[in-house]
Amino acid sequence: MLFNSIDFAIFLPIVFALYWFVAQKHLKVQNLLIVASSYVFYGWWDWRFLSLIAFSTIVDYTIGVTLSKQKNHSKRKLLLWISILVNLGFLGFFKYYNFFLENFISAFSFFGTEINANSLNIILPVGISFYTFQTLSYTIDIYRKKLEPTKDIVAFSAFVSFFPQLVAGPIERATNLLPQFYKKRQFIYANAIDGMRQILWGMFKKVVIADNCARYANDIFNHSDDYSGSTLVLGAIFFTFQIYGDFSGYSDIAIGTSRLFGFNLKQNFAFPYFSRDIAEFWRRWHISLSTWFRDYLYIPLGGSRGGTSMKIRNIFIIFVVSGFWHGANWTFIVWGALNAVYFLPLLLTKSNRNNLEIVAYNRSLPKLSEFLSILLTFSLTVIAWIFFRAENISHAFSIISEIFSNSIFSSLEVLPIKIIILISFMLIIEWFGRKNKHALSNALQLKKRYMRWSLYIFICILIFVFKGHLQEFIYFQF
């Protein structure tokens, strides 16, 4: 079920009404309703894969309870590895089986040995990378004794399958989300209204920005041989805003929807395209995944401790694995490695934590040096996104080689002024809301009520007038 669909527009009010008007007095009933609604939400796509979520829930719930009772270190470690192997086993089969098989065959062919093996027609379950990491963090935190296991199977099932963030995040930690299922929720009008603002802005970014940019980005990337370097740059920029509008838009809708039901999810995007260096970008882009890899991979590997070679190794591991998490294609691995190359000079010169505050914190506009830093960082991310979007490595290099040819000075073959104006509007709203959890929180600074409502109505008009062709969220494929 898509957030930007009629199905969801009908589904959400029904669940909301049942949740607050029928089940309000009974916490267990509310949690059961969330589980049932989440399974309907996910099963709307393909009910057959509900068994995967249910199995993952049962496995990690059982291992969590058993870990709390087990004192023997070796047995505790064995239980942890069972959880890791079961979860990553499912993820590996559905997402990476054909990738490894094809590369295995290619490797042997390179050395003159032909192997006959058939790939499988595997359907990738929507959101498997997200809920797998969410349940894994639960088991790992219990193993580390940072979290007490729950004995409430209903609350744990709700935590795993919570429909607003089930298929594309944010990837929530049990330490934040699970305790919220233990407490009686109160409907707080101010939180619900702010949630609606965030949903509205998320819809704008998805329906207006991402879906319109997708039309041109897809055409330019799919027919890249037909376009000059200047137009390929424009296509890469459109994809840069497409993936931001798509993914951050989903996160905004997920977080806003959660607030309607009395839950608080972690911020997943913090205006990353206003970053002054790549380190700041990765503190602001897909925060829930970046911090997951930091806490469960980077720090256990040694983090930034140790010698230079260890630091380089750890950075490359975390970025390459992050790239591979996104998809079974060498393009994602190169995208991750390229970001590691961007990041390393900052780490080695100990300047990776220079820009912790949001840019121009007490000013309306950035300094010239800040603007140039933002522009450079944005340009680097655009180049990296080319690998992310390209069909394969050779496709990415052909685009980049054309961009750095004389055709970069050619006139644009495509120039959709309407979309450029809409992107500019988004950037202006986000710039003035950059200090907040989401862009429209800043609307409260408009003291006159009619001014706030004028802004909301204007955004609604933009959504209805300029909505692009209905597209699935990009991160559904991950």
Foldseek 3Di string as FASTA:
>chain_A
DFCPDPVVVVLLVVLLCCLCPPCQVPLLVNLLSQLVSLLCLQCVVPNVCVVVLVVLLVLLLVLLVVLVVDDDLVVNVVSLVVNVCVLVVVVCVQFPPQLVVVVVQVVCVVVPDHDDDDDDPHDRRAQSLQLSLLSSLASVCSSVVVDRRDPDSSLSSSSSRRRLARRQDPRFHCVAFSVVSVDRADQDPVLLVVLVVLLLQLLLLQFFQQQVLCVLLVVCLVPVVVFFLQQLLVSLVSVVSNQCSQRLSSVSNSQSSCSSSRGHGDQQAQPLLLDLALLSSLCGHRVSLSVSCVVPPQVVLPHLDDDPVSNLVSLLVSQQVVLVSQHSAVLSNVLSNLSSVRCSVCSVVVNSCVPPDRAPNVHLDHDPSSVVSSVVRNVSVSLSVLSVPHPHDVSSVVSVVSNPDPSSPPDHPDDDPVNVVSVVVSVNQCSQQSVDSDSLVSLVVVVDPVSSVVVSVVSVVSSVPRGHDDDHRSSSSD
